[in-house]
Structures are given as structure tokens and as C-alpha cells.
Amino acid sequence: MDVDTRLLRYFVAVAEEGSLTRASARLYVSQPALTKQIKQLEALLGAELFHRSRAGMSLTEAGRALAERTPALLADWDVALRRTRQAAGRAARVLRVGFLASAANEATQRIVAEFTRARPGWRADLRQAAWSNPTAGLATGDVDVALLRLPFPGQDALRVEVLFSEPRWVALPSAHPLAARDVIAFEELWDEPFVAAPVETGPWRDYWLAADERDGHPVRVGAVTDQPDDWLSAIANGYGVALAPESAARFYARPGITYRPVSGVSPTRVGVAWTPADDANPVVQDFVRCCLAVRRSDCG
């Protein structure tokens, strides 16, 4: 019998969290979708894996037997998959660099140029990820290194070097009454509807809603988007406002949208991230060194 490794990952998350709600936030999937996948796995195995109750999800005897072996199995598969992809990259002389749209700025071109000088014949293949994938594919082994907005879910399990920080501004419809202000106090935005990332992104969504900086004031969500173009359209159409990096005013300028500085909200940071398994990977470390070299030149 062949079982999709995704189903096993979902099973492990629920087993470790003991809750569909917490597991869905950890996996960045909706709770109904996670419930469906767990039932699919149980049907494939012909065994009930969890006792379900109001208190949460607890393992059955069959579930405990599976839980004892699955983490090691998945870890071995992850290592095999990552090494296979890296071997293919080395053969093609390609470094896969994941990034979120807002994490790639003017410095990215200089980083790539520096990497090309450090590794003649190599190419940095830049791969943009949706906001529902805050590690830009790094956590799943789809890329070798990533340029990311901090903080992001799973950050503690990765190596991260901070490259720069910048203020968070607000993007709002140009016809909005606050658009004429030079600076907007964050508390003036608390009652505004916000354009948010998908709920499955958990801490990432909360950070860009500044949920912890509202003095307990509840968030109003006017629209949910996963891509920059949809995000811009939602704001321009008046469905809500959104916090954004200062650099978004340069990279995502669009008629009908105005960007303004915001006081009373913390700045955002960008970092280069890689897995601990790549601490000794010379190509990944060359890219990291290029990132740090550009950071030093900017600071100097």
C-alpha cells in the first residue's frame, strides 16, 4: 500500500498537537481540509487513529503504533528528497532561492550578481512563493535558501541572518480620508477593515495585522488574499487597508493606492534563511556570504 507522505505529516501534526485547531494552524491548512485528510488516512489504513472528544484528539492503540515510527520515516524521506534535489541542482549548477514578494528588494539584484562572481557558471534561480507559504518552500525542501520576512512560522527550526529592517507603512485606497495625512497613528486604523493573509498562515497573518499591537482591540478583516496582485486589487477596490513594508511603496505602486508612514507599530525585518543541514553546503554558504556582504556595503 502506498500512502502520500502529506497524509503522514498531517497525522504527525495532529498527534503532536492533540488538537485539529492547533495542527491546522501549524500546517497552514484549514481545519475542514485537515479533518478530511485524517479520515482519508484512516480509510487507507483501515484503522481508527484518533479518539475524538471535546477535549481534543488522542491516539488510539493503532495511532500510537503509527506515531512511534512515522517521524523517523518522514525525516529520512526529507533528507533523501533534499539531497536528490541538491544533487540535481549541483549537476545543473543552479541554486534554488525562494522569496516572498515583499522580501526581495533593490539589494536582491546585487546579491545575485555577487553570487555569480563568487560561483562562476552557477545561476541563482529565484522562485516567488505565495504568502500562504511563509518559508517560501524552504521548510519543504523545494528551495535551497530563502529571502524571507521575519518573523515567520517555523523560524526557530532554521538558520536565519537578518539583513535589514524597515518601517511598516499602511496601504490604503487613495480616496480614503486618512490618505492625505503625512503620518498615520496606528490606533487610528484599529477600526478599519484589513486585507489579510489566509487564516492558515497563523502567526504570519497575525503579524501583518499587528494583532499584538492593538491593545486588545479586535481585528476587522475585509478581505483575504494570498498574492500581491489580489492584495493590491482588494485595497484599491476599498475592501480594506493593509500594513506593508515601506519598500512596497516603490515596488507595488498602483493607481488608486496610497502608502503612508504609520506611527506606533514595530518595524519589519528581512533575513536570509537556510536549514541546519546546509551549514556545510558550500554553495548555500556562498550565497549567505553574498547576502551579508551586500548588507555590510549598505551599512557602510
C-alpha atoms as a PDB file:
ATOM      1  CA  MET A   1       0.000   0.000   0.000  1.00  0.00           C
ATOM      2  CA  ASP A   2       1.306   3.480  -0.953  1.00  0.00           C
ATOM      3  CA  VAL A   3       0.452   6.377   1.367  1.00  0.00           C
ATOM      4  CA  ASP A   4       1.035  10.017   0.461  1.00  0.00           C
ATOM      5  CA  THR A   5       3.676  11.492   2.778  1.00  0.00           C
ATOM      6  CA  ARG A   6       1.458  14.566   3.124  1.00  0.00           C
ATOM      7  CA  LEU A   7      -1.131  12.446   4.928  1.00  0.00           C
ATOM      8  CA  LEU A   8       1.551  11.196   7.295  1.00  0.00           C
ATOM      9  CA  ARG A   9       2.717  14.755   8.006  1.00  0.00           C
ATOM     10  CA  TYR A  10      -0.840  15.771   8.813  1.00  0.00           C
ATOM     11  CA  PHE A  11      -1.189  12.753  11.097  1.00  0.00           C
ATOM     12  CA  VAL A  12       2.021  13.626  12.971  1.00  0.00           C
ATOM     13  CA  ALA A  13       0.918  17.238  13.460  1.00  0.00           C
ATOM     14  CA  VAL A  14      -2.434  16.222  14.925  1.00  0.00           C
ATOM     15  CA  ALA A  15      -0.807  13.553  17.089  1.00  0.00           C
ATOM     16  CA  GLU A  16       1.718  16.044  18.479  1.00  0.00           C
ATOM     17  CA  GLU A  17      -0.709  18.923  18.928  1.00  0.00           C
ATOM     18  CA  GLY A  18      -3.645  16.862  20.202  1.00  0.00           C
ATOM     19  CA  SER A  19      -5.946  19.344  18.511  1.00  0.00           C
ATOM     20  CA  LEU A  20      -7.187  19.872  14.958  1.00  0.00           C
ATOM     21  CA  THR A  21      -7.250  23.617  15.544  1.00  0.00           C
ATOM     22  CA  ARG A  22      -3.612  23.848  16.613  1.00  0.00           C
ATOM     23  CA  ALA A  23      -2.484  21.360  13.971  1.00  0.00           C
ATOM     24  CA  SER A  24      -4.233  23.261  11.165  1.00  0.00           C
ATOM     25  CA  ALA A  25      -2.508  26.493  12.236  1.00  0.00           C
ATOM     26  CA  ARG A  26       0.854  24.712  12.309  1.00  0.00           C
ATOM     27  CA  LEU A  27       0.311  23.213   8.852  1.00  0.00           C
ATOM     28  CA  TYR A  28      -1.255  26.341   7.272  1.00  0.00           C
ATOM     29  CA  VAL A  29      -4.316  24.368   6.119  1.00  0.00           C
ATOM     30  CA  SER A  30      -7.963  24.820   7.015  1.00  0.00           C
ATOM     31  CA  GLN A  31      -9.450  22.652   9.746  1.00  0.00           C
ATOM     32  CA  PRO A  32     -12.070  21.056   7.437  1.00  0.00           C
ATOM     33  CA  ALA A  33      -9.332  20.125   4.950  1.00  0.00           C
ATOM     34  CA  LEU A  34      -7.214  18.629   7.715  1.00  0.00           C
ATOM     35  CA  THR A  35     -10.161  16.629   9.047  1.00  0.00           C
ATOM     36  CA  LYS A  36     -10.776  15.246   5.556  1.00  0.00           C
ATOM     37  CA  GLN A  37      -7.126  14.208   5.165  1.00  0.00           C
ATOM     38  CA  ILE A  38      -7.052  12.402   8.531  1.00  0.00           C
ATOM     39  CA  LYS A  39     -10.210  10.495   7.616  1.00  0.00           C
ATOM     40  CA  GLN A  40      -8.634   9.597   4.265  1.00  0.00           C
ATOM     41  CA  LEU A  41      -5.572   8.188   6.007  1.00  0.00           C
ATOM     42  CA  GLU A  42      -7.738   6.163   8.385  1.00  0.00           C
ATOM     43  CA  ALA A  43      -9.683   4.770   5.432  1.00  0.00           C
ATOM     44  CA  LEU A  44      -6.468   3.788   3.629  1.00  0.00           C
ATOM     45  CA  LEU A  45      -5.091   2.033   6.698  1.00  0.00           C
ATOM     46  CA  GLY A  46      -8.407   0.532   7.740  1.00  0.00           C
ATOM     47  CA  ALA A  47      -7.890   1.701  11.305  1.00  0.00           C
ATOM     48  CA  GLU A  48      -9.150   4.470  13.561  1.00  0.00           C
ATOM     49  CA  LEU A  49      -6.109   6.534  14.574  1.00  0.00           C
ATOM     50  CA  PHE A  50      -7.693   9.024  16.982  1.00  0.00           C
ATOM     51  CA  HIS A  51     -10.256   9.162  19.728  1.00  0.00           C
ATOM     52  CA  ARG A  52     -12.265  12.331  19.132  1.00  0.00           C
ATOM     53  CA  SER A  53     -13.752  14.303  22.009  1.00  0.00           C
ATOM     54  CA  ARG A  54     -14.472  17.859  23.049  1.00  0.00           C
ATOM     55  CA  ALA A  55     -11.115  17.861  24.807  1.00  0.00           C
ATOM     56  CA  GLY A  56      -9.298  17.197  21.552  1.00  0.00           C
ATOM     57  CA  MET A  57      -7.737  14.292  19.663  1.00  0.00           C
ATOM     58  CA  SER A  58      -5.986  11.415  21.439  1.00  0.00           C
ATOM     59  CA  LEU A  59      -4.276   8.464  19.796  1.00  0.00           C
ATOM     60  CA  THR A  60      -5.818   5.026  19.665  1.00  0.00           C
ATOM     61  CA  GLU A  61      -3.593   1.972  20.041  1.00  0.00           C
ATOM     62  CA  ALA A  62      -3.243   1.826  16.250  1.00  0.00           C
ATOM     63  CA  GLY A  63      -2.471   5.531  16.206  1.00  0.00           C
ATOM     64  CA  ARG A  64       0.271   5.126  18.807  1.00  0.00           C
ATOM     65  CA  ALA A  65       1.849   2.333  16.749  1.00  0.00           C
ATOM     66  CA  LEU A  66       1.936   4.605  13.690  1.00  0.00           C
ATOM     67  CA  ALA A  67       3.120   7.629  15.668  1.00  0.00           C
ATOM     68  CA  GLU A  68       6.135   5.706  17.016  1.00  0.00           C
ATOM     69  CA  ARG A  69       7.561   5.150  13.541  1.00  0.00           C
ATOM     70  CA  THR A  70       6.291   7.945  11.324  1.00  0.00           C
ATOM     71  CA  PRO A  71       8.551  10.867  12.434  1.00  0.00           C
ATOM     72  CA  ALA A  72      11.738   8.917  11.677  1.00  0.00           C
ATOM     73  CA  LEU A  73      10.308   7.749   8.361  1.00  0.00           C
ATOM     74  CA  LEU A  74       9.456  11.313   7.327  1.00  0.00           C
ATOM     75  CA  ALA A  75      12.832  12.628   8.474  1.00  0.00           C
ATOM     76  CA  ASP A  76      14.622  10.030   6.330  1.00  0.00           C
ATOM     77  CA  TRP A  77      12.429  10.881   3.367  1.00  0.00           C
ATOM     78  CA  ASP A  78      13.088  14.612   3.794  1.00  0.00           C
ATOM     79  CA  VAL A  79      16.845  14.014   3.823  1.00  0.00           C
ATOM     80  CA  ALA A  80      16.632  11.809   0.727  1.00  0.00           C
ATOM     81  CA  LEU A  81      14.446  14.327  -1.114  1.00  0.00           C
ATOM     82  CA  ARG A  82      16.615  17.299  -0.213  1.00  0.00           C
ATOM     83  CA  ARG A  83      19.829  15.524  -1.214  1.00  0.00           C
ATOM     84  CA  THR A  84      18.320  14.399  -4.503  1.00  0.00           C
ATOM     85  CA  ARG A  85      17.208  17.914  -5.370  1.00  0.00           C
ATOM     86  CA  GLN A  86      20.523  19.393  -4.320  1.00  0.00           C
ATOM     87  CA  ALA A  87      22.395  16.846  -6.418  1.00  0.00           C
ATOM     88  CA  ALA A  88      20.269  17.824  -9.404  1.00  0.00           C
ATOM     89  CA  GLY A  89      20.985  21.481  -8.668  1.00  0.00           C
ATOM     90  CA  ARG A  90      24.727  20.862  -8.457  1.00  0.00           C
ATOM     91  CA  ALA A  91      24.671  18.997 -11.753  1.00  0.00           C
ATOM     92  CA  ALA A  92      22.848  21.905 -13.400  1.00  0.00           C
ATOM     93  CA  ARG A  93      24.787  24.492 -11.351  1.00  0.00           C
ATOM     94  CA  VAL A  94      21.558  26.015 -10.110  1.00  0.00           C
ATOM     95  CA  LEU A  95      20.870  27.322  -6.596  1.00  0.00           C
ATOM     96  CA  ARG A  96      17.147  27.486  -5.855  1.00  0.00           C
ATOM     97  CA  VAL A  97      16.374  30.712  -3.992  1.00  0.00           C
ATOM     98  CA  GLY A  98      12.886  31.111  -2.589  1.00  0.00           C
ATOM     99  CA  PHE A  99      11.482  34.511  -1.745  1.00  0.00           C
ATOM    100  CA  LEU A 100       8.313  36.278  -0.760  1.00  0.00           C
ATOM    101  CA  ALA A 101       7.418  39.242  -2.910  1.00  0.00           C
ATOM    102  CA  SER A 102       7.945  41.738  -0.123  1.00  0.00           C
ATOM    103  CA  ALA A 103      11.337  40.257   0.853  1.00  0.00           C
ATOM    104  CA  ALA A 104      13.029  40.850  -2.494  1.00  0.00           C
ATOM    105  CA  ASN A 105      14.122  44.468  -2.816  1.00  0.00           C
ATOM    106  CA  GLU A 106      16.788  46.535  -4.562  1.00  0.00           C
ATOM    107  CA  ALA A 107      19.527  44.542  -2.822  1.00  0.00           C
ATOM    108  CA  THR A 108      18.421  41.251  -4.418  1.00  0.00           C
ATOM    109  CA  GLN A 109      19.968  42.017  -7.806  1.00  0.00           C
ATOM    110  CA  ARG A 110      23.265  42.901  -6.144  1.00  0.00           C
ATOM    111  CA  ILE A 111      23.179  39.706  -4.088  1.00  0.00           C
ATOM    112  CA  VAL A 112      22.640  37.624  -7.222  1.00  0.00           C
ATOM    113  CA  ALA A 113      25.437  39.475  -9.043  1.00  0.00           C
ATOM    114  CA  GLU A 114      27.776  38.890  -6.090  1.00  0.00           C
ATOM    115  CA  PHE A 115      26.859  35.194  -6.067  1.00  0.00           C
ATOM    116  CA  THR A 116      27.541  34.909  -9.797  1.00  0.00           C
ATOM    117  CA  ARG A 117      31.014  36.372  -9.254  1.00  0.00           C
ATOM    118  CA  ALA A 118      31.649  34.016  -6.325  1.00  0.00           C
ATOM    119  CA  ARG A 119      30.369  30.986  -8.256  1.00  0.00           C
ATOM    120  CA  PRO A 120      31.188  31.374 -11.979  1.00  0.00           C
ATOM    121  CA  GLY A 121      28.946  29.200 -14.103  1.00  0.00           C
ATOM    122  CA  TRP A 122      26.257  28.986 -11.416  1.00  0.00           C
ATOM    123  CA  ARG A 123      22.805  30.524 -11.612  1.00  0.00           C
ATOM    124  CA  ALA A 124      20.527  31.669  -8.783  1.00  0.00           C
ATOM    125  CA  ASP A 125      17.018  30.546  -9.713  1.00  0.00           C
ATOM    126  CA  LEU A 126      14.635  32.928  -7.909  1.00  0.00           C
ATOM    127  CA  ARG A 127      11.276  31.365  -7.036  1.00  0.00           C
ATOM    128  CA  GLN A 128       8.463  33.517  -5.676  1.00  0.00           C
ATOM    129  CA  ALA A 129       6.112  31.941  -3.119  1.00  0.00           C
ATOM    130  CA  ALA A 130       2.602  32.835  -2.032  1.00  0.00           C
ATOM    131  CA  TRP A 131       2.025  34.347   1.415  1.00  0.00           C
ATOM    132  CA  SER A 132       0.446  31.053   2.458  1.00  0.00           C
ATOM    133  CA  ASN A 133       3.992  29.647   2.262  1.00  0.00           C
ATOM    134  CA  PRO A 134       5.930  31.974   4.612  1.00  0.00           C
ATOM    135  CA  THR A 135       9.190  29.956   4.323  1.00  0.00           C
ATOM    136  CA  ALA A 136       8.989  30.222   0.508  1.00  0.00           C
ATOM    137  CA  GLY A 137       9.465  26.467   0.142  1.00  0.00           C
ATOM    138  CA  LEU A 138      12.470  26.160   2.445  1.00  0.00           C
ATOM    139  CA  ALA A 139      10.659  24.098   5.081  1.00  0.00           C
ATOM    140  CA  THR A 140       9.533  21.592   2.458  1.00  0.00           C
ATOM    141  CA  GLY A 141      12.861  21.342   0.635  1.00  0.00           C
ATOM    142  CA  ASP A 142      11.576  22.997  -2.534  1.00  0.00           C
ATOM    143  CA  VAL A 143      14.367  25.595  -2.368  1.00  0.00           C
ATOM    144  CA  ASP A 144      17.918  25.629  -1.016  1.00  0.00           C
ATOM    145  CA  VAL A 145      17.884  29.067   0.618  1.00  0.00           C
ATOM    146  CA  ALA A 146      15.302  31.819   1.008  1.00  0.00           C
ATOM    147  CA  LEU A 147      14.875  35.564   1.461  1.00  0.00           C
ATOM    148  CA  LEU A 148      12.082  35.953   3.992  1.00  0.00           C
ATOM    149  CA  ARG A 149      10.136  38.419   6.085  1.00  0.00           C
ATOM    150  CA  LEU A 150      10.635  37.926   9.814  1.00  0.00           C
ATOM    151  CA  PRO A 151       9.100  36.623  11.949  1.00  0.00           C
ATOM    152  CA  PHE A 152       7.663  33.588  10.172  1.00  0.00           C
ATOM    153  CA  PRO A 153       6.225  30.250  11.360  1.00  0.00           C
ATOM    154  CA  GLY A 154       8.937  27.618  11.840  1.00  0.00           C
ATOM    155  CA  GLN A 155      11.704  30.214  12.109  1.00  0.00           C
ATOM    156  CA  ASP A 156      13.260  28.577  15.196  1.00  0.00           C
ATOM    157  CA  ALA A 157      13.997  25.394  13.231  1.00  0.00           C
ATOM    158  CA  LEU A 158      16.052  27.250  10.603  1.00  0.00           C
ATOM    159  CA  ARG A 159      19.236  29.284  10.430  1.00  0.00           C
ATOM    160  CA  VAL A 160      18.497  32.975   9.880  1.00  0.00           C
ATOM    161  CA  GLU A 161      20.713  36.015   9.338  1.00  0.00           C
ATOM    162  CA  VAL A 162      18.942  39.375   9.498  1.00  0.00           C
ATOM    163  CA  LEU A 163      19.825  41.570   6.521  1.00  0.00           C
ATOM    164  CA  PHE A 164      17.898  44.781   7.143  1.00  0.00           C
ATOM    165  CA  SER A 165      14.807  46.264   8.763  1.00  0.00           C
ATOM    166  CA  GLU A 166      12.336  48.848   7.534  1.00  0.00           C
ATOM    167  CA  PRO A 167       9.229  50.557   8.900  1.00  0.00           C
ATOM    168  CA  ARG A 168       5.773  49.161   8.358  1.00  0.00           C
ATOM    169  CA  TRP A 169       3.590  51.594   6.447  1.00  0.00           C
ATOM    170  CA  VAL A 170      -0.084  51.335   5.527  1.00  0.00           C
ATOM    171  CA  ALA A 171      -1.527  50.859   2.053  1.00  0.00           C
ATOM    172  CA  LEU A 172      -4.984  52.340   1.683  1.00  0.00           C
ATOM    173  CA  PRO A 173      -7.353  53.487  -1.078  1.00  0.00           C
ATOM    174  CA  SER A 174      -6.325  56.882  -2.367  1.00  0.00           C
ATOM    175  CA  ALA A 175      -9.839  58.189  -1.673  1.00  0.00           C
ATOM    176  CA  HIS A 176      -9.605  57.184   1.985  1.00  0.00           C
ATOM    177  CA  PRO A 177      -9.852  60.189   4.370  1.00  0.00           C
ATOM    178  CA  LEU A 178      -6.535  59.245   6.026  1.00  0.00           C
ATOM    179  CA  ALA A 179      -4.674  59.134   2.697  1.00  0.00           C
ATOM    180  CA  ALA A 180      -3.982  62.863   2.899  1.00  0.00           C
ATOM    181  CA  ARG A 181      -2.087  62.523   6.178  1.00  0.00           C
ATOM    182  CA  ASP A 182       1.715  62.684   6.273  1.00  0.00           C
ATOM    183  CA  VAL A 183       1.833  60.124   9.106  1.00  0.00           C
ATOM    184  CA  ILE A 184      -0.994  57.961  10.483  1.00  0.00           C
ATOM    185  CA  ALA A 185      -1.119  56.749  14.076  1.00  0.00           C
ATOM    186  CA  PHE A 186      -1.734  53.007  14.139  1.00  0.00           C
ATOM    187  CA  GLU A 187      -4.588  53.362  16.623  1.00  0.00           C
ATOM    188  CA  GLU A 188      -6.462  55.386  14.007  1.00  0.00           C
ATOM    189  CA  LEU A 189      -6.529  52.241  11.869  1.00  0.00           C
ATOM    190  CA  TRP A 190      -7.839  49.854  14.516  1.00  0.00           C
ATOM    191  CA  ASP A 191     -11.466  50.124  13.390  1.00  0.00           C
ATOM    192  CA  GLU A 192     -10.613  49.852   9.687  1.00  0.00           C
ATOM    193  CA  PRO A 193     -11.221  46.582   7.808  1.00  0.00           C
ATOM    194  CA  PHE A 194      -7.883  44.969   6.898  1.00  0.00           C
ATOM    195  CA  VAL A 195      -6.847  42.891   3.901  1.00  0.00           C
ATOM    196  CA  ALA A 196      -5.365  39.777   5.498  1.00  0.00           C
ATOM    197  CA  ALA A 197      -3.373  36.694   4.579  1.00  0.00           C
ATOM    198  CA  PRO A 198      -5.192  33.331   4.768  1.00  0.00           C
ATOM    199  CA  VAL A 199      -6.076  32.244   8.297  1.00  0.00           C
ATOM    200  CA  GLU A 200      -3.985  29.087   7.841  1.00  0.00           C
ATOM    201  CA  THR A 201      -0.799  31.191   7.946  1.00  0.00           C
ATOM    202  CA  GLY A 202      -1.379  31.757  11.668  1.00  0.00           C
ATOM    203  CA  PRO A 203       1.407  33.912  13.185  1.00  0.00           C
ATOM    204  CA  TRP A 204       2.292  35.362   9.772  1.00  0.00           C
ATOM    205  CA  ARG A 205      -1.242  36.686   9.308  1.00  0.00           C
ATOM    206  CA  ASP A 206      -1.307  37.999  12.887  1.00  0.00           C
ATOM    207  CA  TYR A 207       1.983  39.839  12.408  1.00  0.00           C
ATOM    208  CA  TRP A 208       0.793  41.707   9.324  1.00  0.00           C
ATOM    209  CA  LEU A 209      -2.427  42.580  11.123  1.00  0.00           C
ATOM    210  CA  ALA A 210      -0.292  43.724  14.087  1.00  0.00           C
ATOM    211  CA  ALA A 211      -2.694  41.743  16.249  1.00  0.00           C
ATOM    212  CA  ASP A 212      -0.381  42.015  19.269  1.00  0.00           C
ATOM    213  CA  GLU A 213      -0.031  45.790  18.958  1.00  0.00           C
ATOM    214  CA  ARG A 214      -3.707  46.766  19.164  1.00  0.00           C
ATOM    215  CA  ASP A 215      -4.043  46.953  22.948  1.00  0.00           C
ATOM    216  CA  GLY A 216      -6.616  44.169  22.779  1.00  0.00           C
ATOM    217  CA  HIS A 217      -8.675  45.885  20.080  1.00  0.00           C
ATOM    218  CA  PRO A 218     -10.211  43.225  17.777  1.00  0.00           C
ATOM    219  CA  VAL A 219      -9.176  42.976  14.132  1.00  0.00           C
ATOM    220  CA  ARG A 220     -11.695  43.562  11.363  1.00  0.00           C
ATOM    221  CA  VAL A 221     -10.958  41.580   8.200  1.00  0.00           C
ATOM    222  CA  GLY A 222     -12.409  42.971   4.982  1.00  0.00           C
ATOM    223  CA  ALA A 223     -10.781  40.581   2.519  1.00  0.00           C
ATOM    224  CA  VAL A 224      -8.378  37.634   2.429  1.00  0.00           C
ATOM    225  CA  THR A 225      -5.717  37.345  -0.291  1.00  0.00           C
ATOM    226  CA  ASP A 226      -2.689  35.170  -0.993  1.00  0.00           C
ATOM    227  CA  GLN A 227      -0.926  37.001  -3.839  1.00  0.00           C
ATOM    228  CA  PRO A 228       0.363  40.567  -4.291  1.00  0.00           C
ATOM    229  CA  ASP A 229      -1.927  41.342  -7.267  1.00  0.00           C
ATOM    230  CA  ASP A 230      -5.036  40.215  -5.381  1.00  0.00           C
ATOM    231  CA  TRP A 231      -3.856  42.149  -2.331  1.00  0.00           C
ATOM    232  CA  LEU A 232      -3.460  45.335  -4.364  1.00  0.00           C
ATOM    233  CA  SER A 233      -6.840  44.893  -6.038  1.00  0.00           C
ATOM    234  CA  ALA A 234      -8.611  44.397  -2.718  1.00  0.00           C
ATOM    235  CA  ILE A 235      -7.117  47.610  -1.332  1.00  0.00           C
ATOM    236  CA  ALA A 236      -7.791  49.649  -4.488  1.00  0.00           C
ATOM    237  CA  ASN A 237     -11.395  48.413  -4.527  1.00  0.00           C
ATOM    238  CA  GLY A 238     -11.912  49.630  -0.972  1.00  0.00           C
ATOM    239  CA  TYR A 239     -12.273  46.268   0.785  1.00  0.00           C
ATOM    240  CA  GLY A 240      -9.709  47.237   3.392  1.00  0.00           C
ATOM    241  CA  VAL A 241      -6.335  48.692   4.269  1.00  0.00           C
ATOM    242  CA  ALA A 242      -3.144  46.749   4.970  1.00  0.00           C
ATOM    243  CA  LEU A 243       0.187  47.121   6.682  1.00  0.00           C
ATOM    244  CA  ALA A 244       3.097  46.821   4.264  1.00  0.00           C
ATOM    245  CA  PRO A 245       6.860  47.330   4.234  1.00  0.00           C
ATOM    246  CA  GLU A 246       7.988  50.842   3.369  1.00  0.00           C
ATOM    247  CA  SER A 247       9.552  49.431   0.182  1.00  0.00           C
ATOM    248  CA  ALA A 248       6.095  48.354  -1.051  1.00  0.00           C
ATOM    249  CA  ALA A 249       5.503  51.998  -1.952  1.00  0.00           C
ATOM    250  CA  ARG A 250       8.274  51.615  -4.540  1.00  0.00           C
ATOM    251  CA  PHE A 251       7.666  48.052  -5.719  1.00  0.00           C
ATOM    252  CA  TYR A 252       3.861  47.995  -5.629  1.00  0.00           C
ATOM    253  CA  ALA A 253       2.866  51.490  -6.662  1.00  0.00           C
ATOM    254  CA  ARG A 254      -0.524  51.384  -8.337  1.00  0.00           C
ATOM    255  CA  PRO A 255      -3.154  53.985  -9.277  1.00  0.00           C
ATOM    256  CA  GLY A 256      -5.812  54.156  -6.590  1.00  0.00           C
ATOM    257  CA  ILE A 257      -3.486  53.082  -3.752  1.00  0.00           C
ATOM    258  CA  THR A 258      -1.649  55.423  -1.389  1.00  0.00           C
ATOM    259  CA  TYR A 259       1.108  54.403   1.035  1.00  0.00           C
ATOM    260  CA  ARG A 260       1.653  56.340   4.236  1.00  0.00           C
ATOM    261  CA  PRO A 261       4.037  56.003   7.227  1.00  0.00           C
ATOM    262  CA  VAL A 262       2.477  54.619  10.402  1.00  0.00           C
ATOM    263  CA  SER A 263       3.499  55.501  13.943  1.00  0.00           C
ATOM    264  CA  GLY A 264       3.005  53.175  16.891  1.00  0.00           C
ATOM    265  CA  VAL A 265       3.770  49.892  15.120  1.00  0.00           C
ATOM    266  CA  SER A 266       7.062  47.965  15.096  1.00  0.00           C
ATOM    267  CA  PRO A 267       9.284  47.656  12.001  1.00  0.00           C
ATOM    268  CA  THR A 268       9.659  44.554   9.858  1.00  0.00           C
ATOM    269  CA  ARG A 269      12.881  42.679   9.093  1.00  0.00           C
ATOM    270  CA  VAL A 270      14.196  40.689   6.136  1.00  0.00           C
ATOM    271  CA  GLY A 271      16.575  37.780   6.544  1.00  0.00           C
ATOM    272  CA  VAL A 272      18.298  35.053   4.579  1.00  0.00           C
ATOM    273  CA  ALA A 273      17.374  31.584   5.844  1.00  0.00           C
ATOM    274  CA  TRP A 274      18.633  28.053   5.300  1.00  0.00           C
ATOM    275  CA  THR A 275      18.321  24.678   7.016  1.00  0.00           C
ATOM    276  CA  PRO A 276      20.840  23.415   9.616  1.00  0.00           C
ATOM    277  CA  ALA A 277      21.566  20.535   7.223  1.00  0.00           C
ATOM    278  CA  ASP A 278      23.106  23.096   4.840  1.00  0.00           C
ATOM    279  CA  ASP A 279      25.542  24.598   7.341  1.00  0.00           C
ATOM    280  CA  ALA A 280      28.286  22.725   5.467  1.00  0.00           C
ATOM    281  CA  ASN A 281      26.844  23.215   1.976  1.00  0.00           C
ATOM    282  CA  PRO A 282      29.451  25.431   0.236  1.00  0.00           C
ATOM    283  CA  VAL A 283      27.060  26.785  -2.382  1.00  0.00           C
ATOM    284  CA  VAL A 284      24.386  27.773   0.136  1.00  0.00           C
ATOM    285  CA  GLN A 285      27.022  29.312   2.390  1.00  0.00           C
ATOM    286  CA  ASP A 286      28.464  31.280  -0.536  1.00  0.00           C
ATOM    287  CA  PHE A 287      25.010  32.743  -1.144  1.00  0.00           C
ATOM    288  CA  VAL A 288      24.654  33.614   2.544  1.00  0.00           C
ATOM    289  CA  ARG A 289      28.070  35.307   2.493  1.00  0.00           C
ATOM    290  CA  CYS A 290      26.994  37.318  -0.552  1.00  0.00           C
ATOM    291  CA  CYS A 291      23.887  38.452   1.312  1.00  0.00           C
ATOM    292  CA  LEU A 292      25.981  39.542   4.271  1.00  0.00           C
ATOM    293  CA  ALA A 293      28.497  41.294   2.030  1.00  0.00           C
ATOM    294  CA  VAL A 294      25.730  43.367   0.463  1.00  0.00           C
ATOM    295  CA  ARG A 295      24.353  44.101   3.932  1.00  0.00           C
ATOM    296  CA  ARG A 296      27.758  45.388   5.057  1.00  0.00           C
ATOM    297  CA  SER A 297      28.093  47.554   1.946  1.00  0.00           C
ATOM    298  CA  ASP A 298      24.661  49.070   2.596  1.00  0.00           C
ATOM    299  CA  CYS A 299      25.516  49.725   6.230  1.00  0.00           C
ATOM    300  CA  GLY A 300      28.891  51.177   5.294  1.00  0.00           C
END
